[in-house]
């Protein structure tokens, strides 16, 4: 069969998995209306000292709306945001 049908193509390890995504904000202090980026983690290598090398892809830009610290995490912060409009995204 000379069809170029991909139904028989081998699957990759990522076909049935999702990449983790999170909000990356790099301005302090974190507060309402601070710009941030929703990123997808492409690769993460955790070093013996606990640091990590993380490769991320930006997926969308947001304005932070609510920010709170998750109890018992030693300072992990969670947030909710509102997606930026096209003009704001392009200038960010």
N, C-alpha and C. Protein backbone atom coordinates (compact mmCIF):
# COMPACT_ATOMS: atom_id res chain seq x y z
N UNK A 1 0.84 -1.18 0.00
CA UNK A 1 0.00 0.00 0.00
C UNK A 1 0.88 1.24 0.00
N UNK A 2 0.69 2.14 -0.97
CA UNK A 2 1.50 3.34 -1.09
C UNK A 2 0.88 4.55 -0.43
N UNK A 3 -0.16 4.33 0.38
CA UNK A 3 -0.79 5.45 1.08
C UNK A 3 0.20 6.09 2.04
N UNK A 4 0.11 7.39 2.20
CA UNK A 4 0.93 8.10 3.18
C UNK A 4 0.17 8.23 4.49
N UNK A 5 -0.58 7.22 4.84
CA UNK A 5 -1.39 7.21 6.05
C UNK A 5 -0.50 7.03 7.27
N UNK A 6 -0.66 7.89 8.27
CA UNK A 6 0.16 7.84 9.48
C UNK A 6 -0.40 6.91 10.54
N UNK A 7 -1.48 6.17 10.24
CA UNK A 7 -2.08 5.30 11.25
C UNK A 7 -1.12 4.23 11.73
N UNK A 8 -0.19 3.82 10.88
CA UNK A 8 0.75 2.76 11.25
C UNK A 8 2.07 3.31 11.78
N UNK A 9 2.18 4.64 11.90
CA UNK A 9 3.44 5.23 12.38
C UNK A 9 3.64 4.89 13.85
N UNK A 10 4.88 4.62 14.24
CA UNK A 10 5.13 4.30 15.65
C UNK A 10 4.86 5.52 16.52
N UNK A 11 4.37 5.28 17.72
CA UNK A 11 4.10 6.39 18.63
C UNK A 11 5.37 6.72 19.40
N UNK A 12 5.43 7.93 19.91
CA UNK A 12 6.56 8.34 20.73
C UNK A 12 6.14 8.31 22.19
N UNK A 13 7.11 8.43 23.07
CA UNK A 13 6.80 8.37 24.50
C UNK A 13 5.92 9.54 24.94
N UNK A 14 5.95 10.67 24.22
CA UNK A 14 5.15 11.82 24.63
C UNK A 14 3.76 11.84 24.03
N UNK A 15 3.44 10.92 23.14
CA UNK A 15 2.12 10.91 22.52
C UNK A 15 0.99 10.82 23.55
N UNK A 16 1.19 10.04 24.58
CA UNK A 16 0.13 9.82 25.56
C UNK A 16 0.38 10.56 26.87
N UNK A 17 1.24 11.57 26.83
CA UNK A 17 1.57 12.31 28.03
C UNK A 17 1.38 13.81 27.79
N UNK A 18 1.21 14.53 28.87
CA UNK A 18 1.06 15.96 28.79
C UNK A 18 2.28 16.62 29.42
N UNK A 19 2.71 17.72 28.85
CA UNK A 19 3.78 18.49 29.43
C UNK A 19 3.20 19.34 30.56
N UNK A 20 3.89 19.45 31.70
CA UNK A 20 3.38 20.31 32.77
C UNK A 20 3.41 21.78 32.35
N UNK A 21 2.45 22.53 32.83
CA UNK A 21 2.38 23.96 32.56
C UNK A 21 2.21 24.69 33.88
N UNK A 22 2.77 25.90 33.93
CA UNK A 22 2.60 26.71 35.12
C UNK A 22 2.75 28.18 34.77
N UNK A 23 2.44 29.03 35.75
CA UNK A 23 2.58 30.47 35.59
C UNK A 23 3.99 30.86 36.01
N UNK A 24 4.68 31.57 35.15
CA UNK A 24 6.01 32.08 35.46
C UNK A 24 5.92 33.60 35.54
N UNK A 25 6.17 34.13 36.73
CA UNK A 25 6.16 35.58 36.93
C UNK A 25 7.51 35.98 37.49
N UNK A 26 8.12 36.98 36.91
CA UNK A 26 9.47 37.34 37.32
C UNK A 26 9.58 38.76 37.88
N UNK A 27 8.46 39.36 38.19
CA UNK A 27 8.48 40.70 38.79
C UNK A 27 8.08 40.61 40.25
N UNK A 28 8.80 41.31 41.10
CA UNK A 28 8.48 41.33 42.52
C UNK A 28 8.09 42.75 42.91
N UNK A 29 7.16 42.90 43.80
CA UNK A 29 6.40 41.83 44.44
C UNK A 29 5.28 41.33 43.52
N UNK A 30 4.88 40.08 43.74
CA UNK A 30 3.75 39.53 43.00
C UNK A 30 2.48 40.18 43.53
N UNK A 31 1.72 40.77 42.66
CA UNK A 31 0.46 41.41 43.05
C UNK A 31 -0.45 41.48 41.83
N UNK A 32 -1.68 41.88 42.07
CA UNK A 32 -2.68 42.00 41.01
C UNK A 32 -2.15 42.91 39.89
N UNK A 33 -2.45 42.51 38.65
CA UNK A 33 -2.10 43.24 37.42
C UNK A 33 -0.63 43.19 37.04
N UNK A 34 0.16 42.32 37.70
CA UNK A 34 1.54 42.09 37.27
C UNK A 34 1.48 41.14 36.07
N UNK A 35 2.24 41.43 34.99
CA UNK A 35 2.24 40.51 33.85
C UNK A 35 2.98 39.22 34.18
N UNK A 36 2.53 38.13 33.58
CA UNK A 36 3.15 36.82 33.78
C UNK A 36 2.97 36.00 32.51
N UNK A 37 3.63 34.85 32.48
CA UNK A 37 3.59 33.98 31.30
C UNK A 37 3.16 32.58 31.70
N UNK A 38 2.24 32.00 30.97
CA UNK A 38 1.94 30.58 31.13
C UNK A 38 2.97 29.84 30.29
N UNK A 39 3.74 28.96 30.93
CA UNK A 39 4.81 28.24 30.23
C UNK A 39 4.57 26.73 30.28
N UNK A 40 5.10 26.05 29.28
CA UNK A 40 5.07 24.59 29.23
C UNK A 40 6.50 24.11 29.47
N UNK A 41 6.67 23.19 30.41
CA UNK A 41 7.98 22.64 30.71
C UNK A 41 8.33 21.62 29.64
N UNK A 42 9.42 21.86 28.91
CA UNK A 42 9.87 20.97 27.86
C UNK A 42 10.87 19.94 28.40
N UNK A 43 11.71 20.40 29.31
CA UNK A 43 12.74 19.52 29.87
C UNK A 43 13.14 20.07 31.24
N UNK A 44 13.40 19.18 32.18
CA UNK A 44 13.82 19.59 33.51
C UNK A 44 14.86 18.60 34.02
N UNK A 45 16.02 19.13 34.40
CA UNK A 45 17.09 18.30 34.96
C UNK A 45 17.37 18.81 36.37
N UNK A 46 17.09 17.97 37.37
CA UNK A 46 17.31 18.35 38.76
C UNK A 46 18.73 17.94 39.15
N UNK A 47 19.47 18.88 39.67
CA UNK A 47 20.87 18.68 40.05
C UNK A 47 20.97 18.11 41.47
N UNK A 48 22.11 17.51 41.82
CA UNK A 48 22.29 16.94 43.16
C UNK A 48 22.11 17.96 44.29
N UNK A 49 22.37 19.24 44.01
CA UNK A 49 22.22 20.25 45.07
C UNK A 49 20.78 20.75 45.20
N UNK A 50 19.86 20.19 44.41
CA UNK A 50 18.46 20.58 44.48
C UNK A 50 18.06 21.65 43.48
N UNK A 51 19.03 22.29 42.84
CA UNK A 51 18.70 23.27 41.81
C UNK A 51 18.23 22.51 40.56
N UNK A 52 17.69 23.25 39.61
CA UNK A 52 17.18 22.60 38.40
C UNK A 52 17.44 23.46 37.18
N UNK A 53 17.73 22.80 36.07
CA UNK A 53 17.81 23.45 34.77
C UNK A 53 16.50 23.13 34.06
N UNK A 54 15.72 24.17 33.77
CA UNK A 54 14.39 23.99 33.20
C UNK A 54 14.29 24.71 31.87
N UNK A 55 13.87 23.99 30.83
CA UNK A 55 13.63 24.58 29.53
C UNK A 55 12.12 24.69 29.35
N UNK A 56 11.65 25.93 29.07
CA UNK A 56 10.22 26.21 29.00
C UNK A 56 9.88 26.89 27.68
N UNK A 57 8.63 26.69 27.25
CA UNK A 57 8.10 27.36 26.07
C UNK A 57 6.93 28.24 26.52
N UNK A 58 6.96 29.54 26.18
CA UNK A 58 5.82 30.39 26.53
C UNK A 58 4.59 29.99 25.72
N UNK A 59 3.45 29.90 26.40
CA UNK A 59 2.21 29.50 25.74
C UNK A 59 1.19 30.63 25.66
N UNK A 60 1.15 31.50 26.69
CA UNK A 60 0.20 32.61 26.72
C UNK A 60 0.68 33.62 27.75
N UNK A 61 0.18 34.83 27.65
CA UNK A 61 0.53 35.90 28.58
C UNK A 61 -0.71 36.32 29.34
N UNK A 62 -0.53 36.59 30.63
CA UNK A 62 -1.66 36.91 31.50
C UNK A 62 -1.33 38.09 32.41
N UNK A 63 -2.39 38.65 33.00
CA UNK A 63 -2.28 39.60 34.10
C UNK A 63 -2.67 38.83 35.35
N UNK A 64 -1.84 38.86 36.39
CA UNK A 64 -2.18 38.17 37.63
C UNK A 64 -3.41 38.82 38.25
N UNK A 65 -4.30 38.00 38.76
CA UNK A 65 -5.52 38.46 39.40
C UNK A 65 -5.50 38.17 40.90
N UNK A 66 -5.24 36.92 41.24
CA UNK A 66 -5.20 36.49 42.64
C UNK A 66 -3.89 35.75 42.88
N UNK A 67 -3.28 36.00 44.02
CA UNK A 67 -2.02 35.34 44.37
C UNK A 67 -2.13 34.87 45.81
N UNK A 68 -1.73 33.61 46.07
CA UNK A 68 -1.74 33.10 47.44
C UNK A 68 -0.64 32.05 47.60
N UNK A 69 -0.19 31.90 48.83
CA UNK A 69 0.84 30.91 49.13
C UNK A 69 0.19 29.60 49.53
N UNK A 70 0.64 28.51 48.94
CA UNK A 70 0.10 27.19 49.27
C UNK A 70 0.67 26.78 50.63
N UNK A 71 -0.18 26.48 51.59
CA UNK A 71 0.29 26.13 52.95
C UNK A 71 1.19 24.89 52.94
N UNK A 72 2.22 24.92 53.78
CA UNK A 72 3.08 23.77 53.96
C UNK A 72 4.06 23.49 52.84
N UNK A 73 4.29 24.46 51.95
CA UNK A 73 5.18 24.22 50.81
C UNK A 73 6.49 25.00 50.89
N UNK A 74 6.68 25.75 51.95
CA UNK A 74 7.91 26.53 52.06
C UNK A 74 7.97 27.71 51.12
N UNK A 75 6.83 28.23 50.75
CA UNK A 75 6.80 29.45 49.94
C UNK A 75 6.32 29.29 48.51
N UNK A 76 5.76 28.12 48.14
CA UNK A 76 5.22 27.96 46.79
C UNK A 76 4.00 28.86 46.64
N UNK A 77 4.00 29.66 45.60
CA UNK A 77 2.92 30.61 45.37
C UNK A 77 2.07 30.13 44.21
N UNK A 78 0.76 30.22 44.36
CA UNK A 78 -0.19 29.91 43.29
C UNK A 78 -0.86 31.20 42.87
N UNK A 79 -1.43 31.19 41.67
CA UNK A 79 -2.08 32.40 41.18
C UNK A 79 -3.16 32.06 40.16
N UNK A 80 -4.02 33.02 39.96
CA UNK A 80 -5.00 33.00 38.87
C UNK A 80 -4.75 34.25 38.05
N UNK A 81 -5.05 34.16 36.78
CA UNK A 81 -4.82 35.32 35.93
C UNK A 81 -5.85 35.44 34.84
N UNK A 82 -5.79 36.57 34.15
CA UNK A 82 -6.66 36.87 33.03
C UNK A 82 -5.77 37.03 31.80
N UNK A 83 -6.14 36.35 30.73
CA UNK A 83 -5.33 36.39 29.51
C UNK A 83 -5.24 37.82 28.99
N UNK A 84 -4.03 38.20 28.57
CA UNK A 84 -3.81 39.52 27.97
C UNK A 84 -4.45 39.58 26.60
N UNK A 85 -4.84 40.76 26.20
CA UNK A 85 -5.31 40.98 24.84
C UNK A 85 -4.13 40.92 23.87
N UNK A 86 -4.39 40.90 22.60
CA UNK A 86 -3.36 40.78 21.58
C UNK A 86 -2.34 41.92 21.66
N UNK A 87 -2.81 43.15 21.81
CA UNK A 87 -1.89 44.30 21.86
C UNK A 87 -0.94 44.19 23.04
N UNK A 88 -1.44 43.84 24.21
CA UNK A 88 -0.60 43.70 25.39
C UNK A 88 0.38 42.53 25.23
N UNK A 89 -0.11 41.42 24.68
CA UNK A 89 0.75 40.24 24.49
C UNK A 89 1.91 40.55 23.56
N UNK A 90 1.64 41.27 22.48
CA UNK A 90 2.68 41.58 21.52
C UNK A 90 3.73 42.53 22.08
N UNK A 91 3.34 43.40 23.01
CA UNK A 91 4.31 44.35 23.56
C UNK A 91 5.00 43.81 24.80
N UNK A 92 4.53 42.68 25.35
CA UNK A 92 5.13 42.09 26.53
C UNK A 92 6.29 41.28 26.13
